[in-house]
Amino acid sequence: MTLEEFLVLPEEKPALELEPDGTVVQKMSPKGRHSRLQFSFLKLFNDFAEPRRLAIAFSELRDIFGGAAYVPDVSVYLWDRIPRDPNGEVQDNFTEPPDIAIEIVSPGQSVNSLVRRSVWYVDNGVRIACVVDPEDRSVLMFRPGQAPTSARNTEAIDLTDVLTGLNITAADVFSVLKIG
């Protein structure tokens, strides 16, 4: 399917995505841990970056770039890269790659598929792509031209080349899964 054909399809829940080879896939329906981690990343990023006018994190935003249409769990755009209409309001369509794309592994989802997607992201303009694995309690980080890095336990999730001054660890991220 072409991108033009895909973009006129009716919206579905969970969202449909268009792979670079023209294959249409449906996102996994989020479960409890996935949803909790996604909300946590959004809150963490927006509480840190939005007051500084540094960036905004978006949930389940359709990003159209590189001939594909993906819906990362979290997309972070630097402040000056957020598309706005003439009134200064956020536009509906984002046609440039995010600065950070985060994919959270859902039950039954292949980690390798998200690794391949993250490699594609950075090959097509995303500055940092992350695969967050609740089972392994790890975060894999991909950057253009660099070997992937990982963070577990008290190791830093280094996003400072996009979100300057943000200091978080894997333990910080996964701590939100424990309630009470």
C-alpha atoms as a PDB file:
ATOM      1  CA  MET A   1       0.000   0.000   0.000  1.00  0.00           C
ATOM      2  CA  THR A   2       1.231   3.485  -0.715  1.00  0.00           C
ATOM      3  CA  LEU A   3       1.450   6.198   1.919  1.00  0.00           C
ATOM      4  CA  GLU A   4      -1.241   8.193   0.101  1.00  0.00           C
ATOM      5  CA  GLU A   5      -3.612   5.175   0.128  1.00  0.00           C
ATOM      6  CA  PHE A   6      -2.863   4.538   3.786  1.00  0.00           C
ATOM      7  CA  LEU A   7      -3.539   8.112   4.880  1.00  0.00           C
ATOM      8  CA  VAL A   8      -7.143   7.989   3.609  1.00  0.00           C
ATOM      9  CA  LEU A   9      -8.006   4.812   5.558  1.00  0.00           C
ATOM     10  CA  PRO A  10     -10.458   5.317   8.437  1.00  0.00           C
ATOM     11  CA  GLU A  11      -8.895   5.516  11.903  1.00  0.00           C
ATOM     12  CA  GLU A  12      -8.931   2.355  13.978  1.00  0.00           C
ATOM     13  CA  LYS A  13      -8.202   1.555  17.605  1.00  0.00           C
ATOM     14  CA  PRO A  14      -5.548   0.454  18.237  1.00  0.00           C
ATOM     15  CA  ALA A  15      -3.989   2.538  15.484  1.00  0.00           C
ATOM     16  CA  LEU A  16      -2.882   1.208  12.127  1.00  0.00           C
ATOM     17  CA  GLU A  17       0.700   1.808  11.040  1.00  0.00           C
ATOM     18  CA  LEU A  18       2.301   1.706   7.591  1.00  0.00           C
ATOM     19  CA  GLU A  19       5.670  -0.034   7.405  1.00  0.00           C
ATOM     20  CA  PRO A  20       8.242   1.283   4.901  1.00  0.00           C
ATOM     21  CA  ASP A  21       7.623  -1.754   2.652  1.00  0.00           C
ATOM     22  CA  GLY A  22       3.905  -0.880   2.334  1.00  0.00           C
ATOM     23  CA  THR A  23       2.658  -3.418   4.885  1.00  0.00           C
ATOM     24  CA  VAL A  24      -0.152  -2.240   7.153  1.00  0.00           C
ATOM     25  CA  VAL A  25       0.066  -3.434  10.754  1.00  0.00           C
ATOM     26  CA  GLN A  26      -2.066  -2.720  13.802  1.00  0.00           C
ATOM     27  CA  LYS A  27      -0.459  -1.593  17.053  1.00  0.00           C
ATOM     28  CA  MET A  28      -0.731  -3.892  20.016  1.00  0.00           C
ATOM     29  CA  SER A  29      -3.485  -2.995  22.429  1.00  0.00           C
ATOM     30  CA  PRO A  30      -1.756  -1.561  25.521  1.00  0.00           C
ATOM     31  CA  LYS A  31      -1.942  -3.458  28.791  1.00  0.00           C
ATOM     32  CA  GLY A  32      -1.443  -2.244  32.378  1.00  0.00           C
ATOM     33  CA  ARG A  33       2.350  -2.026  32.624  1.00  0.00           C
ATOM     34  CA  HIS A  34       2.637  -0.594  29.124  1.00  0.00           C
ATOM     35  CA  SER A  35       0.059   2.075  29.884  1.00  0.00           C
ATOM     36  CA  ARG A  36       1.661   2.961  33.224  1.00  0.00           C
ATOM     37  CA  LEU A  37       5.142   3.280  31.699  1.00  0.00           C
ATOM     38  CA  GLN A  38       3.820   5.355  28.801  1.00  0.00           C
ATOM     39  CA  PHE A  39       2.058   7.779  31.146  1.00  0.00           C
ATOM     40  CA  SER A  40       5.169   7.970  33.318  1.00  0.00           C
ATOM     41  CA  PHE A  41       7.414   8.892  30.381  1.00  0.00           C
ATOM     42  CA  LEU A  42       4.939  11.539  29.213  1.00  0.00           C
ATOM     43  CA  LYS A  43       4.684  13.082  32.662  1.00  0.00           C
ATOM     44  CA  LEU A  44       8.419  12.945  33.289  1.00  0.00           C
ATOM     45  CA  PHE A  45       9.327  14.511  29.942  1.00  0.00           C
ATOM     46  CA  ASN A  46       6.588  17.144  29.950  1.00  0.00           C
ATOM     47  CA  ASP A  47       7.124  18.151  33.597  1.00  0.00           C
ATOM     48  CA  PHE A  48      10.811  18.634  32.820  1.00  0.00           C
ATOM     49  CA  ALA A  49      10.825  20.016  29.263  1.00  0.00           C
ATOM     50  CA  GLU A  50       7.615  21.967  28.709  1.00  0.00           C
ATOM     51  CA  PRO A  51       8.132  24.657  31.401  1.00  0.00           C
ATOM     52  CA  ARG A  52      11.631  25.202  29.960  1.00  0.00           C
ATOM     53  CA  ARG A  53      10.160  25.463  26.446  1.00  0.00           C
ATOM     54  CA  LEU A  54      12.619  22.739  25.520  1.00  0.00           C
ATOM     55  CA  ALA A  55      10.309  20.030  24.127  1.00  0.00           C
ATOM     56  CA  ILE A  56       6.898  18.376  24.349  1.00  0.00           C
ATOM     57  CA  ALA A  57       6.186  14.647  24.576  1.00  0.00           C
ATOM     58  CA  PHE A  58       3.148  13.316  22.719  1.00  0.00           C
ATOM     59  CA  SER A  59       1.297  10.049  23.291  1.00  0.00           C
ATOM     60  CA  GLU A  60       0.355   7.781  20.368  1.00  0.00           C
ATOM     61  CA  LEU A  61       1.077  10.522  17.803  1.00  0.00           C
ATOM     62  CA  ARG A  62       1.056   9.478  14.158  1.00  0.00           C
ATOM     63  CA  ASP A  63       4.483  10.427  12.792  1.00  0.00           C
ATOM     64  CA  ILE A  64       4.643  10.445   8.995  1.00  0.00           C
ATOM     65  CA  PHE A  65       8.181  10.435   7.605  1.00  0.00           C
ATOM     66  CA  GLY A  66      10.547   8.342   5.520  1.00  0.00           C
ATOM     67  CA  GLY A  67       7.651   6.895   3.507  1.00  0.00           C
ATOM     68  CA  ALA A  68       6.089   5.291   6.590  1.00  0.00           C
ATOM     69  CA  ALA A  69       3.441   6.191   9.165  1.00  0.00           C
ATOM     70  CA  TYR A  70       4.261   5.007  12.669  1.00  0.00           C
ATOM     71  CA  VAL A  71       2.600   5.683  16.011  1.00  0.00           C
ATOM     72  CA  PRO A  72       5.343   5.464  18.660  1.00  0.00           C
ATOM     73  CA  ASP A  73       4.157   5.087  22.224  1.00  0.00           C
ATOM     74  CA  VAL A  74       5.876   8.402  23.014  1.00  0.00           C
ATOM     75  CA  SER A  75       7.188  10.972  20.522  1.00  0.00           C
ATOM     76  CA  VAL A  76       9.279  13.881  21.782  1.00  0.00           C
ATOM     77  CA  TYR A  77       9.716  16.980  19.649  1.00  0.00           C
ATOM     78  CA  LEU A  78      12.012  19.852  20.482  1.00  0.00           C
ATOM     79  CA  TRP A  79      10.081  23.065  21.046  1.00  0.00           C
ATOM     80  CA  ASP A  80      11.044  24.773  17.792  1.00  0.00           C
ATOM     81  CA  ARG A  81      10.264  21.648  15.735  1.00  0.00           C
ATOM     82  CA  ILE A  82       6.636  21.267  16.839  1.00  0.00           C
ATOM     83  CA  PRO A  83       4.425  22.075  13.824  1.00  0.00           C
ATOM     84  CA  ARG A  84       2.120  24.994  14.530  1.00  0.00           C
ATOM     85  CA  ASP A  85      -0.683  26.642  12.601  1.00  0.00           C
ATOM     86  CA  PRO A  86      -0.725  30.423  11.947  1.00  0.00           C
ATOM     87  CA  ASN A  87      -2.347  30.957  15.386  1.00  0.00           C
ATOM     88  CA  GLY A  88       0.532  29.179  17.125  1.00  0.00           C
ATOM     89  CA  GLU A  89      -1.523  26.085  17.956  1.00  0.00           C
ATOM     90  CA  VAL A  90      -0.164  22.561  17.555  1.00  0.00           C
ATOM     91  CA  GLN A  91      -1.036  21.144  14.138  1.00  0.00           C
ATOM     92  CA  ASP A  92      -2.650  17.753  13.706  1.00  0.00           C
ATOM     93  CA  ASN A  93      -0.180  16.339  11.191  1.00  0.00           C
ATOM     94  CA  PHE A  94       3.454  15.701  12.101  1.00  0.00           C
ATOM     95  CA  THR A  95       5.488  14.992   8.970  1.00  0.00           C
ATOM     96  CA  GLU A  96       9.003  15.188  10.379  1.00  0.00           C
ATOM     97  CA  PRO A  97      10.708  12.561  12.550  1.00  0.00           C
ATOM     98  CA  PRO A  98      10.519  13.074  16.310  1.00  0.00           C
ATOM     99  CA  ASP A  99      13.695  13.858  18.217  1.00  0.00           C
ATOM    100  CA  ILE A 100      13.001  10.908  20.525  1.00  0.00           C
ATOM    101  CA  ALA A 101      10.761   7.915  19.744  1.00  0.00           C
ATOM    102  CA  ILE A 102       9.928   5.472  22.516  1.00  0.00           C
ATOM    103  CA  GLU A 103       8.441   2.033  21.986  1.00  0.00           C
ATOM    104  CA  ILE A 104       7.306   0.004  25.010  1.00  0.00           C
ATOM    105  CA  VAL A 105       7.172  -3.766  24.634  1.00  0.00           C
ATOM    106  CA  SER A 106       3.662  -5.148  25.153  1.00  0.00           C
ATOM    107  CA  PRO A 107       2.875  -8.747  26.171  1.00  0.00           C
ATOM    108  CA  GLY A 108       3.093 -10.953  23.090  1.00  0.00           C
ATOM    109  CA  GLN A 109       5.022  -8.368  21.112  1.00  0.00           C
ATOM    110  CA  SER A 110       8.374  -9.190  19.562  1.00  0.00           C
ATOM    111  CA  VAL A 111      11.277  -7.233  21.039  1.00  0.00           C
ATOM    112  CA  ASN A 112      13.151  -7.781  17.769  1.00  0.00           C
ATOM    113  CA  SER A 113      10.382  -6.052  15.797  1.00  0.00           C
ATOM    114  CA  LEU A 114      10.777  -2.973  17.998  1.00  0.00           C
ATOM    115  CA  VAL A 115      14.568  -3.142  17.693  1.00  0.00           C
ATOM    116  CA  ARG A 116      14.233  -3.224  13.879  1.00  0.00           C
ATOM    117  CA  ARG A 117      11.788  -0.333  14.050  1.00  0.00           C
ATOM    118  CA  SER A 118      14.171   1.671  16.259  1.00  0.00           C
ATOM    119  CA  VAL A 119      17.032   1.094  13.816  1.00  0.00           C
ATOM    120  CA  TRP A 120      14.741   2.318  11.023  1.00  0.00           C
ATOM    121  CA  TYR A 121      13.807   5.359  13.116  1.00  0.00           C
ATOM    122  CA  VAL A 122      17.398   6.504  13.570  1.00  0.00           C
ATOM    123  CA  ASP A 123      18.223   5.713   9.930  1.00  0.00           C
ATOM    124  CA  ASN A 124      15.387   8.090   8.988  1.00  0.00           C
ATOM    125  CA  GLY A 125      16.086  11.109  11.178  1.00  0.00           C
ATOM    126  CA  VAL A 126      15.109  10.257  14.762  1.00  0.00           C
ATOM    127  CA  ARG A 127      17.923  11.350  17.084  1.00  0.00           C
ATOM    128  CA  ILE A 128      17.230   8.765  19.815  1.00  0.00           C
ATOM    129  CA  ALA A 129      14.979   5.710  19.651  1.00  0.00           C
ATOM    130  CA  CYS A 130      14.305   3.679  22.789  1.00  0.00           C
ATOM    131  CA  VAL A 131      12.907   0.211  23.341  1.00  0.00           C
ATOM    132  CA  VAL A 132      11.546  -0.136  26.865  1.00  0.00           C
ATOM    133  CA  ASP A 133      11.195  -3.739  28.044  1.00  0.00           C
ATOM    134  CA  PRO A 134       9.122  -4.171  31.237  1.00  0.00           C
ATOM    135  CA  GLU A 135      10.009  -7.878  31.510  1.00  0.00           C
ATOM    136  CA  ASP A 136      13.757  -7.297  31.375  1.00  0.00           C
ATOM    137  CA  ARG A 137      13.530  -3.924  33.170  1.00  0.00           C
ATOM    138  CA  SER A 138      15.810  -2.451  30.528  1.00  0.00           C
ATOM    139  CA  VAL A 139      15.889   0.433  28.074  1.00  0.00           C
ATOM    140  CA  LEU A 140      17.795   0.081  24.796  1.00  0.00           C
ATOM    141  CA  MET A 141      18.851   3.358  23.200  1.00  0.00           C
ATOM    142  CA  PHE A 142      19.651   3.750  19.511  1.00  0.00           C
ATOM    143  CA  ARG A 143      21.417   6.726  17.913  1.00  0.00           C
ATOM    144  CA  PRO A 144      22.527   7.297  14.325  1.00  0.00           C
ATOM    145  CA  GLY A 145      26.009   5.964  13.629  1.00  0.00           C
ATOM    146  CA  GLN A 146      26.478   4.493  17.114  1.00  0.00           C
ATOM    147  CA  ALA A 147      26.183   1.078  18.682  1.00  0.00           C
ATOM    148  CA  PRO A 148      23.054   0.667  20.816  1.00  0.00           C
ATOM    149  CA  THR A 149      23.425   1.238  24.546  1.00  0.00           C
ATOM    150  CA  SER A 150      21.334  -0.116  27.374  1.00  0.00           C
ATOM    151  CA  ALA A 151      20.314   0.908  30.860  1.00  0.00           C
ATOM    152  CA  ARG A 152      19.186  -1.303  33.730  1.00  0.00           C
ATOM    153  CA  ASN A 153      18.801  -0.733  37.469  1.00  0.00           C
ATOM    154  CA  THR A 154      20.613   2.479  38.464  1.00  0.00           C
ATOM    155  CA  GLU A 155      22.189   3.030  35.031  1.00  0.00           C
ATOM    156  CA  ALA A 156      21.326   6.320  33.345  1.00  0.00           C
ATOM    157  CA  ILE A 157      18.901   6.553  30.464  1.00  0.00           C
ATOM    158  CA  ASP A 158      20.972   9.123  28.634  1.00  0.00           C
ATOM    159  CA  LEU A 159      18.735  11.438  26.627  1.00  0.00           C
ATOM    160  CA  THR A 160      20.708  14.588  27.436  1.00  0.00           C
ATOM    161  CA  ASP A 161      21.735  15.240  23.838  1.00  0.00           C
ATOM    162  CA  VAL A 162      18.038  16.067  23.253  1.00  0.00           C
ATOM    163  CA  LEU A 163      16.711  16.831  26.756  1.00  0.00           C
ATOM    164  CA  THR A 164      19.638  18.714  28.244  1.00  0.00           C
ATOM    165  CA  GLY A 165      19.743  18.425  32.017  1.00  0.00           C
ATOM    166  CA  LEU A 166      17.342  15.477  32.337  1.00  0.00           C
ATOM    167  CA  ASN A 167      18.763  12.822  34.639  1.00  0.00           C
ATOM    168  CA  ILE A 168      16.833   9.549  34.914  1.00  0.00           C
ATOM    169  CA  THR A 169      17.744   5.935  35.526  1.00  0.00           C
ATOM    170  CA  ALA A 170      16.092   2.693  34.525  1.00  0.00           C
ATOM    171  CA  ALA A 171      15.169   2.208  38.195  1.00  0.00           C
ATOM    172  CA  ASP A 172      13.377   5.590  38.138  1.00  0.00           C
ATOM    173  CA  VAL A 173      11.326   4.562  35.112  1.00  0.00           C
ATOM    174  CA  PHE A 174      10.377   1.077  36.280  1.00  0.00           C
ATOM    175  CA  SER A 175       9.657   2.164  39.867  1.00  0.00           C
ATOM    176  CA  VAL A 176       6.212   3.407  38.732  1.00  0.00           C
ATOM    177  CA  LEU A 177       5.110  -0.193  38.208  1.00  0.00           C
ATOM    178  CA  LYS A 178       5.041  -0.836  41.960  1.00  0.00           C
ATOM    179  CA  ILE A 179       1.998   0.686  43.633  1.00  0.00           C
ATOM    180  CA  GLY A 180       1.419   0.991  47.346  1.00  0.00           C
END
